[in-house]
Amino acid sequence: MNLIWAPLAIDRVAEIAVYIAEDNPVAAEKWVRDVFARTGQLALFPHSGRHLPETTRRDLRELIWGNYRIIYRVRPDQVAILTVRHTKQVLPLEDLK
């Protein structure tokens, strides 16, 4: 199964890394490596995350990873990482396109 990242998801990871790096650049680099490693499992186990509670769409799921939600869409031949959000942030539904 192919695993792709939406531009919005890449932007969110970069924003979070910049925020973390303000206090600890080494931790920011580790966080980025870890988020990509964590999502790697989705190529083999695309349904390992739970259904997204904000919608009834069955193709949208999320992995909870520490204080973050990794939002993704499952298709027959592809998993697309749509966005990454802090668990305290509201998820704008336009991020799910």
PDB file of N, CA and C in Angstrom:
ATOM      1  N   MET A   1       0.856  -1.177   0.000  1.00  0.00           N
ATOM      2  CA  MET A   1       0.000   0.000   0.000  1.00  0.00           C
ATOM      3  C   MET A   1       0.899   1.236   0.000  1.00  0.00           C
ATOM      4  N   ASN A   2       0.559   2.195  -0.838  1.00  0.00           N
ATOM      5  CA  ASN A   2       1.311   3.443  -0.910  1.00  0.00           C
ATOM      6  C   ASN A   2       0.936   4.362   0.243  1.00  0.00           C
ATOM      7  N   LEU A   3       1.924   5.028   0.781  1.00  0.00           N
ATOM      8  CA  LEU A   3       1.718   6.015   1.842  1.00  0.00           C
ATOM      9  C   LEU A   3       2.184   7.362   1.311  1.00  0.00           C
ATOM     10  N   ILE A   4       1.268   8.338   1.288  1.00  0.00           N
ATOM     11  CA  ILE A   4       1.628   9.668   0.806  1.00  0.00           C
ATOM     12  C   ILE A   4       1.284  10.701   1.875  1.00  0.00           C
ATOM     13  N   TRP A   5       1.926  11.843   1.766  1.00  0.00           N
ATOM     14  CA  TRP A   5       1.687  12.959   2.691  1.00  0.00           C
ATOM     15  C   TRP A   5       1.112  14.127   1.909  1.00  0.00           C
ATOM     16  N   ALA A   6       0.001  14.661   2.357  1.00  0.00           N
ATOM     17  CA  ALA A   6      -0.570  15.870   1.766  1.00  0.00           C
ATOM     18  C   ALA A   6       0.327  17.055   2.129  1.00  0.00           C
ATOM     19  N   PRO A   7       0.381  18.055   1.258  1.00  0.00           N
ATOM     20  CA  PRO A   7       1.180  19.246   1.578  1.00  0.00           C
ATOM     21  C   PRO A   7       0.802  19.870   2.925  1.00  0.00           C
ATOM     22  N   LEU A   8      -0.489  19.872   3.266  1.00  0.00           N
ATOM     23  CA  LEU A   8      -0.915  20.426   4.548  1.00  0.00           C
ATOM     24  C   LEU A   8      -0.279  19.669   5.707  1.00  0.00           C
ATOM     25  N   ALA A   9      -0.224  18.340   5.612  1.00  0.00           N
ATOM     26  CA  ALA A   9       0.373  17.540   6.682  1.00  0.00           C
ATOM     27  C   ALA A   9       1.855  17.846   6.843  1.00  0.00           C
ATOM     28  N   ILE A  10       2.558  17.984   5.734  1.00  0.00           N
ATOM     29  CA  ILE A  10       3.981  18.343   5.788  1.00  0.00           C
ATOM     30  C   ILE A  10       4.152  19.719   6.438  1.00  0.00           C
ATOM     31  N   ASP A  11       3.286  20.654   6.049  1.00  0.00           N
ATOM     32  CA  ASP A  11       3.350  21.997   6.646  1.00  0.00           C
ATOM     33  C   ASP A  11       3.125  21.946   8.147  1.00  0.00           C
ATOM     34  N   ARG A  12       2.151  21.157   8.589  1.00  0.00           N
ATOM     35  CA  ARG A  12       1.853  21.061  10.022  1.00  0.00           C
ATOM     36  C   ARG A  12       3.028  20.459  10.790  1.00  0.00           C
ATOM     37  N   VAL A  13       3.641  19.424  10.232  1.00  0.00           N
ATOM     38  CA  VAL A  13       4.807  18.817  10.886  1.00  0.00           C
ATOM     39  C   VAL A  13       5.923  19.851  11.002  1.00  0.00           C
ATOM     40  N   ALA A  14       6.143  20.614   9.948  1.00  0.00           N
ATOM     41  CA  ALA A  14       7.189  21.647   9.983  1.00  0.00           C
ATOM     42  C   ALA A  14       6.875  22.711  11.030  1.00  0.00           C
ATOM     43  N   GLU A  15       5.620  23.151  11.108  1.00  0.00           N
ATOM     44  CA  GLU A  15       5.228  24.163  12.094  1.00  0.00           C
ATOM     45  C   GLU A  15       5.454  23.663  13.522  1.00  0.00           C
ATOM     46  N   ILE A  16       5.062  22.424  13.759  1.00  0.00           N
ATOM     47  CA  ILE A  16       5.226  21.841  15.098  1.00  0.00           C
ATOM     48  C   ILE A  16       6.711  21.716  15.432  1.00  0.00           C
ATOM     49  N   ALA A  17       7.508  21.281  14.458  1.00  0.00           N
ATOM     50  CA  ALA A  17       8.948  21.142  14.683  1.00  0.00           C
ATOM     51  C   ALA A  17       9.593  22.485  15.009  1.00  0.00           C
ATOM     52  N   VAL A  18       9.188  23.540  14.317  1.00  0.00           N
ATOM     53  CA  VAL A  18       9.725  24.878  14.602  1.00  0.00           C
ATOM     54  C   VAL A  18       9.380  25.286  16.032  1.00  0.00           C
ATOM     55  N   TYR A  19       8.148  25.010  16.440  1.00  0.00           N
ATOM     56  CA  TYR A  19       7.718  25.344  17.795  1.00  0.00           C
ATOM     57  C   TYR A  19       8.553  24.585  18.836  1.00  0.00           C
ATOM     58  N   ILE A  20       8.726  23.289  18.627  1.00  0.00           N
ATOM     59  CA  ILE A  20       9.518  22.475  19.562  1.00  0.00           C
ATOM     60  C   ILE A  20      10.969  22.954  19.583  1.00  0.00           C
ATOM     61  N   ALA A  21      11.500  23.308  18.411  1.00  0.00           N
ATOM     62  CA  ALA A  21      12.904  23.715  18.297  1.00  0.00           C
ATOM     63  C   ALA A  21      13.205  25.014  19.035  1.00  0.00           C
ATOM     64  N   GLU A  22      12.189  25.816  19.299  1.00  0.00           N
ATOM     65  CA  GLU A  22      12.425  27.046  20.059  1.00  0.00           C
ATOM     66  C   GLU A  22      13.030  26.732  21.425  1.00  0.00           C
ATOM     67  N   ASP A  23      12.631  25.622  22.008  1.00  0.00           N
ATOM     68  CA  ASP A  23      13.163  25.206  23.307  1.00  0.00           C
ATOM     69  C   ASP A  23      14.241  24.148  23.203  1.00  0.00           C
ATOM     70  N   ASN A  24      14.112  23.268  22.174  1.00  0.00           N
ATOM     71  CA  ASN A  24      15.023  22.136  22.116  1.00  0.00           C
ATOM     72  C   ASN A  24      15.149  21.641  20.671  1.00  0.00           C
ATOM     73  N   PRO A  25      16.124  22.127  19.928  1.00  0.00           N
ATOM     74  CA  PRO A  25      16.290  21.719  18.533  1.00  0.00           C
ATOM     75  C   PRO A  25      16.504  20.218  18.338  1.00  0.00           C
ATOM     76  N   VAL A  26      17.207  19.601  19.254  1.00  0.00           N
ATOM     77  CA  VAL A  26      17.438  18.154  19.149  1.00  0.00           C
ATOM     78  C   VAL A  26      16.122  17.396  19.300  1.00  0.00           C
ATOM     79  N   ALA A  27      15.300  17.811  20.237  1.00  0.00           N
ATOM     80  CA  ALA A  27      13.993  17.174  20.429  1.00  0.00           C
ATOM     81  C   ALA A  27      13.111  17.367  19.197  1.00  0.00           C
ATOM     82  N   ALA A  28      13.214  18.515  18.563  1.00  0.00           N
ATOM     83  CA  ALA A  28      12.417  18.770  17.356  1.00  0.00           C
ATOM     84  C   ALA A  28      12.807  17.808  16.238  1.00  0.00           C
ATOM     85  N   GLU A  29      14.103  17.609  16.041  1.00  0.00           N
ATOM     86  CA  GLU A  29      14.557  16.667  15.017  1.00  0.00           C
ATOM     87  C   GLU A  29      14.082  15.256  15.320  1.00  0.00           C
ATOM     88  N   LYS A  30      14.178  14.866  16.582  1.00  0.00           N
ATOM     89  CA  LYS A  30      13.718  13.530  16.984  1.00  0.00           C
ATOM     90  C   LYS A  30      12.212  13.405  16.757  1.00  0.00           C
ATOM     91  N   TRP A  31      11.453  14.433  17.090  1.00  0.00           N
ATOM     92  CA  TRP A  31      10.002  14.401  16.919  1.00  0.00           C
ATOM     93  C   TRP A  31       9.638  14.185  15.445  1.00  0.00           C
ATOM     94  N   VAL A  32      10.324  14.876  14.555  1.00  0.00           N
ATOM     95  CA  VAL A  32      10.048  14.717  13.120  1.00  0.00           C
ATOM     96  C   VAL A  32      10.359  13.293  12.668  1.00  0.00           C
ATOM     97  N   ARG A  33      11.518  12.771  13.058  1.00  0.00           N
ATOM     98  CA  ARG A  33      11.859  11.385  12.698  1.00  0.00           C
ATOM     99  C   ARG A  33      10.810  10.418  13.232  1.00  0.00           C
ATOM    100  N   ASP A  34      10.395  10.639  14.472  1.00  0.00           N
ATOM    101  CA  ASP A  34       9.432   9.731  15.105  1.00  0.00           C
ATOM    102  C   ASP A  34       8.052   9.790  14.458  1.00  0.00           C
ATOM    103  N   VAL A  35       7.610  10.978  14.054  1.00  0.00           N
ATOM    104  CA  VAL A  35       6.282  11.065  13.440  1.00  0.00           C
ATOM    105  C   VAL A  35       6.272  10.324  12.102  1.00  0.00           C
ATOM    106  N   PHE A  36       7.364  10.426  11.337  1.00  0.00           N
ATOM    107  CA  PHE A  36       7.428   9.677  10.075  1.00  0.00           C
ATOM    108  C   PHE A  36       7.529   8.171  10.333  1.00  0.00           C
ATOM    109  N   ALA A  37       8.255   7.779  11.352  1.00  0.00           N
ATOM    110  CA  ALA A  37       8.343   6.360  11.708  1.00  0.00           C
ATOM    111  C   ALA A  37       6.990   5.830  12.160  1.00  0.00           C
ATOM    112  N   ARG A  38       6.287   6.614  12.965  1.00  0.00           N
ATOM    113  CA  ARG A  38       4.972   6.191  13.478  1.00  0.00           C
ATOM    114  C   ARG A  38       3.976   5.977  12.347  1.00  0.00           C
ATOM    115  N   THR A  39       3.997   6.858  11.362  1.00  0.00           N
ATOM    116  CA  THR A  39       3.050   6.722  10.257  1.00  0.00           C
ATOM    117  C   THR A  39       3.437   5.612   9.288  1.00  0.00           C
ATOM    118  N   GLY A  40       4.684   5.179   9.332  1.00  0.00           N
ATOM    119  CA  GLY A  40       5.121   4.103   8.449  1.00  0.00           C
ATOM    120  C   GLY A  40       4.320   2.824   8.611  1.00  0.00           C
ATOM    121  N   GLN A  41       3.807   2.579   9.797  1.00  0.00           N
ATOM    122  CA  GLN A  41       3.016   1.369  10.048  1.00  0.00           C
ATOM    123  C   GLN A  41       1.748   1.332   9.200  1.00  0.00           C
ATOM    124  N   LEU A  42       1.276   2.500   8.782  1.00  0.00           N
ATOM    125  CA  LEU A  42       0.010   2.557   8.052  1.00  0.00           C
ATOM    126  C   LEU A  42       0.091   1.907   6.679  1.00  0.00           C
ATOM    127  N   ALA A  43       1.277   1.805   6.104  1.00  0.00           N
ATOM    128  CA  ALA A  43       1.418   1.121   4.823  1.00  0.00           C
ATOM    129  C   ALA A  43       1.054  -0.358   4.956  1.00  0.00           C
ATOM    130  N   LEU A  44       1.330  -0.938   6.115  1.00  0.00           N
ATOM    131  CA  LEU A  44       1.007  -2.354   6.355  1.00  0.00           C
ATOM    132  C   LEU A  44      -0.318  -2.540   7.084  1.00  0.00           C
ATOM    133  N   PHE A  45      -0.642  -1.604   7.965  1.00  0.00           N
ATOM    134  CA  PHE A  45      -1.844  -1.719   8.786  1.00  0.00           C
ATOM    135  C   PHE A  45      -2.674  -0.438   8.682  1.00  0.00           C
ATOM    136  N   PRO A  46      -3.301  -0.196   7.526  1.00  0.00           N
ATOM    137  CA  PRO A  46      -3.987   1.080   7.316  1.00  0.00           C
ATOM    138  C   PRO A  46      -5.194   1.309   8.224  1.00  0.00           C
ATOM    139  N   HIS A  47      -5.741   0.258   8.769  1.00  0.00           N
ATOM    140  CA  HIS A  47      -6.913   0.416   9.634  1.00  0.00           C
ATOM    141  C   HIS A  47      -6.552   0.374  11.115  1.00  0.00           C
ATOM    142  N   SER A  48      -5.279   0.585  11.426  1.00  0.00           N
ATOM    143  CA  SER A  48      -4.851   0.508  12.823  1.00  0.00           C
ATOM    144  C   SER A  48      -5.296   1.702  13.650  1.00  0.00           C
ATOM    145  N   GLY A  49      -5.598   2.811  13.013  1.00  0.00           N
ATOM    146  CA  GLY A  49      -6.116   3.966  13.740  1.00  0.00           C
ATOM    147  C   GLY A  49      -7.620   3.863  13.913  1.00  0.00           C
ATOM    148  N   ARG A  50      -8.146   4.710  14.779  1.00  0.00           N
ATOM    149  CA  ARG A  50      -9.591   4.698  15.007  1.00  0.00           C
ATOM    150  C   ARG A  50     -10.296   5.596  13.991  1.00  0.00           C
ATOM    151  N   HIS A  51     -11.606   5.380  13.858  1.00  0.00           N
ATOM    152  CA  HIS A  51     -12.397   6.246  12.984  1.00  0.00           C
ATOM    153  C   HIS A  51     -12.401   7.659  13.553  1.00  0.00           C
ATOM    154  N   LEU A  52     -12.402   8.615  12.679  1.00  0.00           N
ATOM    155  CA  LEU A  52     -12.360  10.015  13.069  1.00  0.00           C
ATOM    156  C   LEU A  52     -13.702  10.419  13.673  1.00  0.00           C
ATOM    157  N   PRO A  53     -13.736  10.870  14.936  1.00  0.00           N
ATOM    158  CA  PRO A  53     -15.014  11.145  15.600  1.00  0.00           C
ATOM    159  C   PRO A  53     -15.758  12.363  15.054  1.00  0.00           C
ATOM    160  N   GLU A  54     -15.073  13.267  14.340  1.00  0.00           N
ATOM    161  CA  GLU A  54     -15.727  14.475  13.828  1.00  0.00           C
ATOM    162  C   GLU A  54     -16.592  14.234  12.599  1.00  0.00           C
ATOM    163  N   THR A  55     -16.532  13.052  12.027  1.00  0.00           N
ATOM    164  CA  THR A  55     -17.252  12.779  10.786  1.00  0.00           C
ATOM    165  C   THR A  55     -17.756  11.341  10.760  1.00  0.00           C
ATOM    166  N   THR A  56     -18.726  11.095   9.904  1.00  0.00           N
ATOM    167  CA  THR A  56     -19.239   9.732   9.734  1.00  0.00           C
ATOM    168  C   THR A  56     -18.551   9.013   8.580  1.00  0.00           C
ATOM    169  N   ARG A  57     -17.645   9.697   7.904  1.00  0.00           N
ATOM    170  CA  ARG A  57     -16.932   9.070   6.792  1.00  0.00           C
ATOM    171  C   ARG A  57     -16.079   7.916   7.303  1.00  0.00           C
ATOM    172  N   ARG A  58     -16.224   6.773   6.688  1.00  0.00           N
ATOM    173  CA  ARG A  58     -15.507   5.577   7.133  1.00  0.00           C
ATOM    174  C   ARG A  58     -14.079   5.509   6.596  1.00  0.00           C
ATOM    175  N   ASP A  59     -13.748   6.356   5.622  1.00  0.00           N
ATOM    176  CA  ASP A  59     -12.400   6.330   5.063  1.00  0.00           C
ATOM    177  C   ASP A  59     -11.421   7.208   5.834  1.00  0.00           C
ATOM    178  N   LEU A  60     -11.926   7.985   6.785  1.00  0.00           N
ATOM    179  CA  LEU A  60     -11.075   8.876   7.568  1.00  0.00           C
ATOM    180  C   LEU A  60     -10.793   8.271   8.933  1.00  0.00           C
ATOM    181  N   ARG A  61      -9.513   8.267   9.291  1.00  0.00           N
ATOM    182  CA  ARG A  61      -9.089   7.659  10.548  1.00  0.00           C
ATOM    183  C   ARG A  61      -8.034   8.544  11.187  1.00  0.00           C
ATOM    184  N   GLU A  62      -7.665   8.189  12.422  1.00  0.00           N
ATOM    185  CA  GLU A  62      -6.608   8.929  13.100  1.00  0.00           C
ATOM    186  C   GLU A  62      -5.795   8.005  13.985  1.00  0.00           C
ATOM    187  N   LEU A  63      -4.521   8.334  14.076  1.00  0.00           N
ATOM    188  CA  LEU A  63      -3.636   7.728  15.068  1.00  0.00           C
ATOM    189  C   LEU A  63      -3.427   8.768  16.148  1.00  0.00           C
ATOM    190  N   ILE A  64      -3.575   8.361  17.382  1.00  0.00           N
ATOM    191  CA  ILE A  64      -3.226   9.236  18.497  1.00  0.00           C
ATOM    192  C   ILE A  64      -1.791   8.896  18.867  1.00  0.00           C
ATOM    193  N   TRP A  65      -0.957   9.907  18.853  1.00  0.00           N
ATOM    194  CA  TRP A  65       0.466   9.710  19.109  1.00  0.00           C
ATOM    195  C   TRP A  65       0.920  10.807  20.064  1.00  0.00           C
ATOM    196  N   GLY A  66       1.106  10.454  21.322  1.00  0.00           N
ATOM    197  CA  GLY A  66       1.446  11.450  22.330  1.00  0.00           C
ATOM    198  C   GLY A  66       0.348  12.488  22.417  1.00  0.00           C
ATOM    199  N   ASN A  67       0.706  13.753  22.239  1.00  0.00           N
ATOM    200  CA  ASN A  67      -0.271  14.840  22.278  1.00  0.00           C
ATOM    201  C   ASN A  67      -0.790  15.217  20.896  1.00  0.00           C
ATOM    202  N   TYR A  68      -0.587  14.352  19.925  1.00  0.00           N
ATOM    203  CA  TYR A  68      -0.928  14.687  18.544  1.00  0.00           C
ATOM    204  C   TYR A  68      -1.874  13.674  17.920  1.00  0.00           C
ATOM    205  N   ARG A  69      -2.640  14.193  16.973  1.00  0.00           N
ATOM    206  CA  ARG A  69      -3.548  13.373  16.161  1.00  0.00           C
ATOM    207  C   ARG A  69      -2.999  13.381  14.740  1.00  0.00           C
ATOM    208  N   ILE A  70      -2.785  12.212  14.208  1.00  0.00           N
ATOM    209  CA  ILE A  70      -2.349  12.069  12.821  1.00  0.00           C
ATOM    210  C   ILE A  70      -3.590  11.629  12.045  1.00  0.00           C
ATOM    211  N   ILE A  71      -4.122  12.538  11.255  1.00  0.00           N
ATOM    212  CA  ILE A  71      -5.372  12.310  10.535  1.00  0.00           C
ATOM    213  C   ILE A  71      -5.036  11.791   9.139  1.00  0.00           C
ATOM    214  N   TYR A  72      -5.697  10.689   8.730  1.00  0.00           N
ATOM    215  CA  TYR A  72      -5.390  10.111   7.429  1.00  0.00           C
ATOM    216  C   TYR A  72      -6.625   9.523   6.762  1.00  0.00           C
ATOM    217  N   ARG A  73      -6.507   9.307   5.446  1.00  0.00           N
ATOM    218  CA  ARG A  73      -7.580   8.733   4.645  1.00  0.00           C
ATOM    219  C   ARG A  73      -7.095   7.413   4.056  1.00  0.00           C
ATOM    220  N   VAL A  74      -7.966   6.406   4.109  1.00  0.00           N
ATOM    221  CA  VAL A  74      -7.638   5.089   3.562  1.00  0.00           C
ATOM    222  C   VAL A  74      -8.410   4.879   2.261  1.00  0.00           C
ATOM    223  N   ARG A  75      -7.675   4.525   1.234  1.00  0.00           N
ATOM    224  CA  ARG A  75      -8.258   4.122  -0.054  1.00  0.00           C
ATOM    225  C   ARG A  75      -7.742   2.723  -0.360  1.00  0.00           C
ATOM    226  N   PRO A  76      -8.334   2.029  -1.329  1.00  0.00           N
ATOM    227  CA  PRO A  76      -7.916   0.637  -1.578  1.00  0.00           C
ATOM    228  C   PRO A  76      -6.419   0.444  -1.812  1.00  0.00           C
ATOM    229  N   ASP A  77      -5.758   1.403  -2.446  1.00  0.00           N
ATOM    230  CA  ASP A  77      -4.339   1.229  -2.748  1.00  0.00           C
ATOM    231  C   ASP A  77      -3.454   2.309  -2.141  1.00  0.00           C
ATOM    232  N   GLN A  78      -4.035   3.140  -1.253  1.00  0.00           N
ATOM    233  CA  GLN A  78      -3.273   4.289  -0.772  1.00  0.00           C
ATOM    234  C   GLN A  78      -3.744   4.741   0.608  1.00  0.00           C
ATOM    235  N   VAL A  79      -2.776   5.165   1.410  1.00  0.00           N
ATOM    236  CA  VAL A  79      -3.056   5.867   2.666  1.00  0.00           C
ATOM    237  C   VAL A  79      -2.483   7.265   2.507  1.00  0.00           C
ATOM    238  N   ALA A  80      -3.311   8.280   2.763  1.00  0.00           N
ATOM    239  CA  ALA A  80      -2.871   9.665   2.635  1.00  0.00           C
ATOM    240  C   ALA A  80      -2.922  10.336   3.998  1.00  0.00           C
ATOM    241  N   ILE A  81      -1.782  10.792   4.475  1.00  0.00           N
ATOM    242  CA  ILE A  81      -1.725  11.568   5.707  1.00  0.00           C
ATOM    243  C   ILE A  81      -2.233  12.965   5.351  1.00  0.00           C
ATOM    244  N   LEU A  82      -3.324  13.386   5.980  1.00  0.00           N
ATOM    245  CA  LEU A  82      -3.963  14.653   5.634  1.00  0.00           C
ATOM    246  C   LEU A  82      -3.483  15.813   6.482  1.00  0.00           C
ATOM    247  N   THR A  83      -3.330  15.582   7.791  1.00  0.00           N
ATOM    248  CA  THR A  83      -2.886  16.644   8.685  1.00  0.00           C
ATOM    249  C   THR A  83      -2.406  16.046   9.999  1.00  0.00           C
ATOM    250  N   VAL A  84      -1.704  16.843  10.757  1.00  0.00           N
ATOM    251  CA  VAL A  84      -1.258  16.492  12.106  1.00  0.00           C
ATOM    252  C   VAL A  84      -1.666  17.656  12.995  1.00  0.00           C
ATOM    253  N   ARG A  85      -2.374  17.360  14.072  1.00  0.00           N
ATOM    254  CA  ARG A  85      -2.881  18.410  14.964  1.00  0.00           C
ATOM    255  C   ARG A  85      -2.599  18.030  16.413  1.00  0.00           C
ATOM    256  N   HIS A  86      -2.410  19.041  17.242  1.00  0.00           N
ATOM    257  CA  HIS A  86      -2.332  18.813  18.677  1.00  0.00           C
ATOM    258  C   HIS A  86      -3.721  18.382  19.147  1.00  0.00           C
ATOM    259  N   THR A  87      -3.771  17.523  20.138  1.00  0.00           N
ATOM    260  CA  THR A  87      -5.075  17.009  20.592  1.00  0.00           C
ATOM    261  C   THR A  87      -5.978  18.104  21.155  1.00  0.00           C
ATOM    262  N   LYS A  88      -5.413  19.214  21.595  1.00  0.00           N
ATOM    263  CA  LYS A  88      -6.229  20.305  22.136  1.00  0.00           C
ATOM    264  C   LYS A  88      -6.755  21.250  21.059  1.00  0.00           C
ATOM    265  N   GLN A  89      -6.278  21.095  19.825  1.00  0.00           N
ATOM    266  CA  GLN A  89      -6.730  21.956  18.737  1.00  0.00           C
ATOM    267  C   GLN A  89      -8.023  21.412  18.130  1.00  0.00           C
ATOM    268  N   VAL A  90      -8.860  22.323  17.702  1.00  0.00           N
ATOM    269  CA  VAL A  90     -10.056  21.952  16.950  1.00  0.00           C
ATOM    270  C   VAL A  90      -9.611  21.555  15.547  1.00  0.00           C
ATOM    271  N   LEU A  91     -10.215  20.508  15.027  1.00  0.00           N
ATOM    272  CA  LEU A  91      -9.884  20.040  13.684  1.00  0.00           C
ATOM    273  C   LEU A  91     -10.825  20.706  12.673  1.00  0.00           C
ATOM    274  N   PRO A  92     -10.318  21.642  11.873  1.00  0.00           N
ATOM    275  CA  PRO A  92     -11.164  22.241  10.839  1.00  0.00           C
ATOM    276  C   PRO A  92     -11.503  21.188   9.777  1.00  0.00           C
ATOM    277  N   LEU A  93     -12.766  21.049   9.445  1.00  0.00           N
ATOM    278  CA  LEU A  93     -13.159  20.014   8.483  1.00  0.00           C
ATOM    279  C   LEU A  93     -12.579  20.267   7.097  1.00  0.00           C
ATOM    280  N   GLU A  94     -12.203  21.507   6.777  1.00  0.00           N
ATOM    281  CA  GLU A  94     -11.580  21.753   5.478  1.00  0.00           C
ATOM    282  C   GLU A  94     -10.188  21.120   5.375  1.00  0.00           C
ATOM    283  N   ASP A  95      -9.594  20.744   6.510  1.00  0.00           N
ATOM    284  CA  ASP A  95      -8.312  20.039   6.500  1.00  0.00           C
ATOM    285  C   ASP A  95      -8.452  18.611   5.979  1.00  0.00           C
ATOM    286  N   LEU A  96      -9.674  18.124   5.831  1.00  0.00           N
ATOM    287  CA  LEU A  96      -9.907  16.738   5.459  1.00  0.00           C
ATOM    288  C   LEU A  96     -10.120  16.535   3.966  1.00  0.00           C
ATOM    289  N   LYS A  97      -9.906  17.554   3.180  1.00  0.00           N
ATOM    290  CA  LYS A  97     -10.129  17.444   1.724  1.00  0.00           C
ATOM    291  C   LYS A  97      -8.995  16.741   1.056  1.00  0.00           C
TER     292      LYS A  97
END
